[in-house]
Amino acid sequence: MTTEMQEITITEDKPLLTGQADSSKQDAELAARILLDQGQEHSVETPHGVLHVTLHGTRNSRRPAILTFHDVGLDSKSCFQPLFKFDEMQEIVKNFTLIHIDAPGQEDGAAVYPAGYQYLSMETIAEMIPAVLQFFNFRTVIGVGVGAGAYILTRFTLANPDSVEGLVLVNIDPNARGWMDWAAQKLSSVTSSLTEQIMSHLFSQEELSSNTDVVQSHRERINKAPHLLNIELFWKTYNSRRDLNLDRSSTFKCPVMLVVGDQAPYEDAAVECNSKLDPTSTSFLKMADAGGLPQLTQPAKLTEAFKYFIQGMGYMASSCMTRLSRSRTTSLSSSYSVEGSRSRSRTLSQGSQGGQMPPSPSQTMEVSC
């Protein structure tokens, strides 16, 4: 028997050079950063239909997620992107998972609803949120809502008090529309376009008269929205909202921060809402030069207030104050309420040094900055 010998060539696997390994690691890190920056989009099934949800960060359920809900005429990107991409906000973003919810049919690229479609009520939209928490395996959240989104998150919190550790409500109007509001809305729908009605909801009259860059960009975005019918349905639903029936004795188990810009369309409504909440767990922030959407026009001030709010809840206790506080003196005007009336007030002045502890959420705080 003849045995044939075969020559086998064995190639040596050469390790990557140091430069190549570093380059691969950098590419992987860049890809991860891009993924986190753009967010992971999900379609979440709920008992009342599908919600478009965008998640940023890792699903670290040891801390509550920050859950946002946008206003009418906006989606999660146009409403919150300038705030959560702000430089000073990154210290918060890296410590929490962000969950941005789009109201049904309001996300960019949403399919247009057919004529005669019956849009969901505000209460029903709020009932969709628990399915989102379950989908991402979060037990609790810190809610951040603007306008219609603030109303929806309030509804959700009242129905699910153990699921919310804190609530930030921008431009909240807890009241149903009265007859005068209804008549004014009917007149406006005849004399103004849908776009102008929503613009008057989002921005102050001063901003609309000045026709600022922010106003121009949002007017153009709404005008050109291919799903304008969906926006109109959400707008009508918001205008048909029911009264939240807030009162000091039976409202929230969690701390609440109310935010409104001076001369904003809902300034009076936010002030009234503040009067109905427990003064020992509510802070009220009225922001100067903020207009109708303070998260877009004053992200620095809102970031600092939000950081204080989170610190008061026991998170990020070692965080330093932002450069906003270091660059100027901020006066915090704290008002205390006894038996429903303001009995005394004091002013806390924070100087140029950082690292000071925030006001405790157990104190009622009315802030003008």
Protein backbone atom coordinates (compact mmCIF):
# COMPACT_ATOMS: atom_id res chain seq x y z
CA MET A 1 0.00 0.00 0.00
CA THR A 2 1.35 3.32 -1.02
CA THR A 3 0.89 6.19 1.32
CA GLU A 4 0.91 9.56 -0.29
CA MET A 5 2.15 12.40 1.76
CA GLN A 6 0.31 15.68 1.26
CA GLU A 7 1.98 18.91 2.03
CA ILE A 8 -0.23 21.15 4.09
CA THR A 9 0.60 24.79 4.36
CA ILE A 10 -0.36 26.37 7.68
CA THR A 11 -0.77 30.13 7.62
CA GLU A 12 0.06 31.94 10.78
CA ASP A 13 -2.68 34.24 12.00
CA LYS A 14 -1.02 37.54 12.62
CA PRO A 15 -2.46 39.67 15.37
CA LEU A 16 -3.78 43.11 14.48
CA LEU A 17 -1.29 45.87 14.79
CA THR A 18 -1.84 48.26 17.68
CA GLY A 19 -3.03 50.98 15.35
CA GLN A 20 -5.51 48.64 13.68
CA ALA A 21 -6.93 47.47 17.02
CA ASP A 22 -7.36 51.05 18.20
CA SER A 23 -9.04 51.96 14.95
CA SER A 24 -11.50 49.05 15.24
CA LYS A 25 -12.29 50.01 18.82
CA GLN A 26 -12.85 53.63 17.82
CA ASP A 27 -15.15 52.56 14.97
CA ALA A 28 -17.18 50.42 17.37
CA GLU A 29 -17.44 53.25 19.89
CA LEU A 30 -18.47 55.67 17.14
CA ALA A 31 -21.15 53.27 15.92
CA ALA A 32 -22.44 52.90 19.49
CA ARG A 33 -22.52 56.70 19.96
CA ILE A 34 -24.40 57.16 16.69
CA LEU A 35 -26.94 54.51 17.75
CA LEU A 36 -27.45 56.17 21.13
CA ASP A 37 -27.64 59.62 19.54
CA GLN A 38 -30.24 58.65 16.97
CA GLY A 39 -32.09 56.44 19.40
CA GLN A 40 -33.67 53.03 18.96
CA GLU A 41 -37.14 53.27 17.46
CA HIS A 42 -39.82 50.82 18.54
CA SER A 43 -43.46 50.17 17.72
CA VAL A 44 -45.05 49.25 21.04
CA GLU A 45 -48.34 47.35 21.05
CA THR A 46 -50.84 48.63 23.62
CA PRO A 47 -54.46 47.71 24.38
CA HIS A 48 -55.52 50.75 22.34
CA GLY A 49 -53.18 50.51 19.36
CA VAL A 50 -49.52 50.99 18.49
CA LEU A 51 -47.28 53.75 19.87
CA HIS A 52 -44.09 54.98 18.23
CA VAL A 53 -41.43 55.15 20.95
CA THR A 54 -37.75 56.14 20.76
CA LEU A 55 -35.30 54.94 23.41
CA HIS A 56 -31.95 56.58 24.12
CA GLY A 57 -29.34 54.97 26.33
CA THR A 58 -29.16 51.54 27.90
CA ARG A 59 -32.09 49.87 29.60
CA ASN A 60 -30.76 50.38 33.12
CA SER A 61 -33.84 49.62 35.19
CA ARG A 62 -32.06 50.30 38.48
CA ARG A 63 -33.05 53.93 38.03
CA PRO A 64 -36.31 55.34 36.70
CA ALA A 65 -36.37 56.18 33.03
CA ILE A 66 -37.05 59.75 31.93
CA LEU A 67 -40.26 59.49 29.92
CA THR A 68 -41.34 62.41 27.73
CA PHE A 69 -44.58 63.32 25.98
CA HIS A 70 -44.78 66.17 23.45
CA ASP A 71 -47.32 68.91 22.73
CA VAL A 72 -49.77 69.32 19.84
CA GLY A 73 -48.10 70.35 16.58
CA LEU A 74 -44.82 68.77 17.67
CA ASP A 75 -43.35 65.30 17.86
CA SER A 76 -40.81 63.94 20.32
CA LYS A 77 -37.86 65.19 18.25
CA SER A 78 -39.03 68.73 17.60
CA CYS A 79 -40.28 69.11 21.18
CA PHE A 80 -37.38 67.69 23.18
CA GLN A 81 -34.28 67.31 21.02
CA PRO A 82 -32.87 70.83 21.70
CA LEU A 83 -33.23 70.26 25.45
CA PHE A 84 -31.78 66.77 25.72
CA LYS A 85 -28.95 67.50 23.30
CA PHE A 86 -27.96 70.62 25.25
CA ASP A 87 -24.37 70.36 26.56
CA GLU A 88 -25.18 70.70 30.25
CA MET A 89 -27.99 68.16 29.97
CA GLN A 90 -25.56 65.40 29.00
CA GLU A 91 -24.64 64.82 32.64
CA ILE A 92 -28.26 63.83 33.22
CA VAL A 93 -28.68 61.94 29.95
CA LYS A 94 -25.72 59.64 30.63
CA ASN A 95 -27.25 58.60 33.97
CA PHE A 96 -30.78 57.85 32.80
CA THR A 97 -32.54 56.06 29.99
CA LEU A 98 -34.71 58.37 27.87
CA ILE A 99 -38.05 57.15 26.54
CA HIS A 100 -39.71 59.53 24.07
CA ILE A 101 -43.34 58.73 23.23
CA ASP A 102 -45.08 60.09 20.15
CA ALA A 103 -48.84 60.48 20.35
CA PRO A 104 -50.66 58.20 17.87
CA GLY A 105 -50.05 59.34 14.29
CA GLN A 106 -47.85 62.30 15.27
CA GLU A 107 -44.38 60.89 14.54
CA ASP A 108 -42.46 61.92 11.45
CA GLY A 109 -43.48 59.70 8.55
CA ALA A 110 -46.72 58.53 10.17
CA ALA A 111 -49.41 57.20 7.85
CA VAL A 112 -52.32 59.61 7.37
CA TYR A 113 -55.55 58.52 9.03
CA PRO A 114 -58.53 57.99 6.70
CA ALA A 115 -61.37 60.51 6.56
CA GLY A 116 -63.79 60.07 9.44
CA TYR A 117 -61.22 58.36 11.67
CA GLN A 118 -62.16 58.51 15.36
CA TYR A 119 -59.05 59.68 17.20
CA LEU A 120 -58.37 58.47 20.73
CA SER A 121 -59.35 60.57 23.73
CA MET A 122 -56.74 62.08 26.02
CA GLU A 123 -57.70 59.59 28.72
CA THR A 124 -57.24 56.66 26.35
CA ILE A 125 -53.80 57.88 25.23
CA ALA A 126 -52.77 58.05 28.88
CA GLU A 127 -53.93 54.45 29.31
CA MET A 128 -51.43 53.36 26.62
CA ILE A 129 -48.38 54.38 28.65
CA PRO A 130 -48.24 51.40 31.09
CA ALA A 131 -47.65 49.09 28.11
CA VAL A 132 -44.56 51.15 27.22
CA LEU A 133 -43.09 50.71 30.71
CA GLN A 134 -43.78 47.00 30.54
CA PHE A 135 -42.21 46.73 27.08
CA PHE A 136 -38.93 48.25 28.28
CA ASN A 137 -39.12 46.61 31.71
CA PHE A 138 -39.15 49.84 33.73
CA ARG A 139 -41.05 49.90 36.99
CA THR A 140 -40.95 53.69 37.47
CA VAL A 141 -40.33 56.84 35.44
CA ILE A 142 -39.72 60.56 35.80
CA GLY A 143 -42.27 62.17 33.51
CA VAL A 144 -41.56 65.29 31.41
CA GLY A 145 -44.55 66.60 29.47
CA VAL A 146 -45.29 69.76 27.50
CA GLY A 147 -48.79 71.15 26.88
CA ALA A 148 -50.99 68.28 25.74
CA GLY A 149 -48.20 65.91 26.79
CA ALA A 150 -48.23 67.42 30.29
CA TYR A 151 -51.97 66.77 30.50
CA ILE A 152 -51.54 63.15 29.32
CA LEU A 153 -48.74 62.44 31.79
CA THR A 154 -50.82 63.94 34.59
CA ARG A 155 -53.67 61.59 33.69
CA PHE A 156 -51.22 58.68 33.67
CA THR A 157 -49.75 59.68 37.05
CA LEU A 158 -53.15 60.04 38.72
CA ALA A 159 -54.11 56.55 37.52
CA ASN A 160 -50.70 54.97 38.23
CA PRO A 161 -49.19 56.84 41.21
CA ASP A 162 -46.67 54.11 42.05
CA SER A 163 -45.19 54.23 38.53
CA VAL A 164 -44.06 57.88 38.67
CA GLU A 165 -41.23 59.12 40.91
CA GLY A 166 -41.34 62.72 39.68
CA LEU A 167 -43.26 64.88 37.26
CA VAL A 168 -42.16 67.94 35.25
CA LEU A 169 -45.11 69.70 33.61
CA VAL A 170 -44.46 72.48 31.11
CA ASN A 171 -47.42 74.69 30.10
CA ILE A 172 -49.94 72.52 31.91
CA ASP A 173 -53.63 73.43 31.62
CA PRO A 174 -55.59 71.10 33.93
CA ASN A 175 -58.97 72.57 33.05
CA ALA A 176 -61.53 71.56 30.47
CA ARG A 177 -62.44 74.29 28.01
CA GLY A 178 -65.28 76.49 29.21
CA TRP A 179 -68.04 77.96 27.07
CA MET A 180 -66.05 81.12 26.41
CA ASP A 181 -63.02 79.08 25.35
CA TRP A 182 -65.23 76.89 23.18
CA ALA A 183 -66.77 79.93 21.45
CA ALA A 184 -63.35 81.51 20.93
CA GLN A 185 -62.04 78.25 19.46
CA LYS A 186 -65.02 78.01 17.08
CA LEU A 187 -64.42 81.58 15.90
CA SER A 188 -60.71 80.92 15.52
CA SER A 189 -61.36 77.82 13.42
CA VAL A 190 -63.35 80.01 10.99
CA THR A 191 -60.97 82.97 10.83
CA SER A 192 -57.57 81.22 11.22
CA SER A 193 -55.91 78.27 9.55
CA LEU A 194 -55.11 75.14 11.53
CA THR A 195 -51.44 76.08 11.48
CA GLU A 196 -52.08 79.52 12.98
CA GLN A 197 -54.36 78.05 15.66
CA ILE A 198 -51.60 75.69 16.74
CA MET A 199 -48.96 78.40 16.56
CA SER A 200 -51.06 80.52 18.95
CA HIS A 201 -51.18 77.51 21.25
CA LEU A 202 -47.40 77.00 21.16
CA PHE A 203 -46.05 80.55 21.21
CA SER A 204 -46.70 83.86 22.92
CA GLN A 205 -48.16 86.79 20.99
CA GLU A 206 -44.83 88.61 21.34
CA GLU A 207 -43.02 85.72 19.67
CA LEU A 208 -45.57 85.52 16.88
CA SER A 209 -45.38 89.28 16.27
CA SER A 210 -41.57 89.17 16.24
CA ASN A 211 -41.69 86.14 13.93
CA THR A 212 -38.54 84.69 15.47
CA ASP A 213 -36.50 81.98 13.79
CA VAL A 214 -38.06 79.35 16.06
CA VAL A 215 -41.55 80.55 15.11
CA GLN A 216 -40.73 80.55 11.40
CA SER A 217 -39.24 77.04 11.45
CA HIS A 218 -42.19 75.54 13.33
CA ARG A 219 -44.78 77.30 11.16
CA GLU A 220 -43.08 75.94 8.05
CA ARG A 221 -42.78 72.45 9.54
CA ILE A 222 -46.49 72.28 10.42
CA ASN A 223 -47.57 73.78 7.10
CA LYS A 224 -45.61 71.19 5.14
CA ALA A 225 -46.45 68.21 7.37
CA PRO A 226 -47.79 65.40 5.15
CA HIS A 227 -49.83 64.09 8.11
CA LEU A 228 -51.52 67.44 8.87
CA LEU A 229 -54.86 65.64 9.24
CA ASN A 230 -53.40 63.60 12.11
CA ILE A 231 -52.20 66.78 13.80
CA GLU A 232 -55.68 68.28 13.46
CA LEU A 233 -57.23 65.20 15.10
CA PHE A 234 -54.82 65.44 18.06
CA TRP A 235 -55.57 69.18 18.31
CA LYS A 236 -59.33 68.58 18.44
CA THR A 237 -58.89 65.85 21.03
CA TYR A 238 -56.83 68.14 23.24
CA ASN A 239 -59.48 70.87 22.98
CA SER A 240 -62.09 68.31 24.08
CA ARG A 241 -60.17 67.34 27.22
CA ARG A 242 -61.91 66.87 30.54
CA ASP A 243 -61.09 68.68 33.76
CA LEU A 244 -58.37 66.96 35.80
CA ASN A 245 -60.11 67.94 39.07
CA LEU A 246 -56.86 68.57 40.91
CA ASP A 247 -56.86 69.45 44.58
CA ARG A 248 -54.30 69.51 47.36
CA SER A 249 -55.71 66.59 49.33
CA SER A 250 -55.74 63.88 46.66
CA THR A 251 -53.38 64.57 43.80
CA PHE A 252 -49.79 63.34 43.48
CA LYS A 253 -47.64 61.07 45.61
CA CYS A 254 -44.51 62.30 43.82
CA PRO A 255 -42.76 65.69 43.66
CA VAL A 256 -43.94 67.96 40.84
CA MET A 257 -42.25 70.85 39.05
CA LEU A 258 -44.47 73.20 37.05
CA VAL A 259 -42.73 75.23 34.33
CA VAL A 260 -44.08 78.10 32.25
CA GLY A 261 -42.58 80.99 30.32
CA ASP A 262 -43.55 84.53 31.21
CA GLN A 263 -46.30 85.81 28.87
CA ALA A 264 -46.78 82.26 27.57
CA PRO A 265 -50.29 81.32 26.37
CA TYR A 266 -50.80 79.06 29.39
CA GLU A 267 -49.19 81.19 32.10
CA ASP A 268 -52.47 81.79 33.95
CA ALA A 269 -53.45 78.13 33.71
CA ALA A 270 -50.09 77.04 35.16
CA VAL A 271 -50.44 79.53 38.02
CA GLU A 272 -53.92 78.18 38.76
CA CYS A 273 -52.62 74.61 38.63
CA ASN A 274 -49.92 75.51 41.16
CA SER A 275 -52.58 76.80 43.56
CA LYS A 276 -54.36 73.43 43.43
CA LEU A 277 -51.33 71.25 44.24
CA ASP A 278 -49.75 70.29 47.55
CA PRO A 279 -47.34 73.13 48.39
CA THR A 280 -45.00 70.77 50.25
CA SER A 281 -44.14 68.79 47.11
CA THR A 282 -44.61 71.29 44.29
CA SER A 283 -42.18 73.78 42.80
CA PHE A 284 -43.26 76.44 40.31
CA LEU A 285 -40.77 77.83 37.80
CA LYS A 286 -41.72 80.91 35.81
CA MET A 287 -39.00 81.60 33.26
CA ALA A 288 -38.23 85.06 31.96
CA ASP A 289 -37.63 85.55 28.24
CA ALA A 290 -38.76 81.98 27.60
CA GLY A 291 -41.92 82.50 25.56
CA GLY A 292 -44.24 79.61 24.90
CA LEU A 293 -41.72 76.77 24.67
CA PRO A 294 -39.01 77.23 27.34
CA GLN A 295 -37.41 73.87 26.54
CA LEU A 296 -36.53 75.30 23.11
CA THR A 297 -35.73 78.92 23.98
CA GLN A 298 -34.13 78.52 27.43
CA PRO A 299 -32.61 75.02 27.61
CA ALA A 300 -29.84 76.18 29.97
CA LYS A 301 -32.24 77.44 32.64
CA LEU A 302 -34.52 74.46 32.32
CA THR A 303 -31.60 72.04 32.47
CA GLU A 304 -30.41 73.57 35.73
CA ALA A 305 -33.90 73.45 37.24
CA PHE A 306 -34.31 69.85 36.11
CA LYS A 307 -30.98 68.90 37.67
CA TYR A 308 -32.07 70.43 40.98
CA PHE A 309 -35.34 68.56 40.75
CA ILE A 310 -33.59 65.21 40.21
CA GLN A 311 -31.12 65.91 43.01
CA GLY A 312 -34.03 66.64 45.33
CA MET A 313 -35.34 63.16 44.53
CA GLY A 314 -32.03 61.67 45.70
CA TYR A 315 -30.32 61.12 42.33
CA MET A 316 -27.02 62.66 41.12
CA ALA A 317 -26.32 64.11 44.58
CA SER A 318 -22.65 64.71 43.74
CA SER A 319 -23.44 66.70 40.59
CA CYS A 320 -22.10 70.24 40.46
CA MET A 321 -24.11 73.25 39.44
CA THR A 322 -24.11 74.13 35.78
CA ARG A 323 -22.11 76.89 34.17
CA LEU A 324 -25.30 78.96 34.13
CA SER A 325 -25.15 79.33 37.91
CA ARG A 326 -21.41 79.86 37.91
CA SER A 327 -21.64 82.67 35.40
CA ARG A 328 -24.34 84.68 37.09
CA THR A 329 -26.33 85.01 40.30
CA THR A 330 -29.70 83.32 40.31
CA SER A 331 -32.37 84.47 42.72
CA LEU A 332 -34.76 81.84 43.90
CA SER A 333 -37.88 83.32 45.38
CA SER A 334 -39.40 80.74 47.73
CA SER A 335 -42.97 81.19 48.85
CA TYR A 336 -44.57 79.18 51.59
CA SER A 337 -48.27 78.54 51.95
CA VAL A 338 -50.17 78.19 55.21
CA GLU A 339 -53.84 77.14 55.04
CA GLY A 340 -53.93 77.99 51.36
CA SER A 341 -52.53 81.51 51.63
CA ARG A 342 -49.01 82.82 51.22
CA SER A 343 -47.96 83.78 54.70
CA ARG A 344 -44.32 84.60 54.24
CA SER A 345 -41.59 84.54 51.62
CA ARG A 346 -37.87 84.63 51.45
CA THR A 347 -35.26 84.96 48.74
CA LEU A 348 -32.41 82.51 48.35
CA SER A 349 -29.51 83.91 46.40
CA GLN A 350 -27.03 81.53 44.84
CA GLY A 351 -23.66 83.05 44.13
CA SER A 352 -20.95 82.21 41.68
CA GLN A 353 -19.67 79.07 43.36
CA GLY A 354 -20.99 75.67 42.32
CA GLY A 355 -21.74 72.52 44.18
CA GLN A 356 -24.53 73.92 46.32
CA MET A 357 -27.38 71.65 47.25
CA PRO A 358 -30.71 72.23 45.55
CA PRO A 359 -33.86 73.28 47.34
CA SER A 360 -35.57 70.30 48.89
CA PRO A 361 -38.69 69.09 47.12
CA SER A 362 -40.44 69.20 50.48
CA GLN A 363 -40.46 72.99 50.23
CA THR A 364 -42.86 74.88 48.03
CA MET A 365 -40.71 76.93 45.70
CA GLU A 366 -41.83 79.64 43.31
CA VAL A 367 -38.95 80.60 41.09
CA SER A 368 -38.53 83.43 38.65
CA CYS A 369 -35.34 83.28 36.62
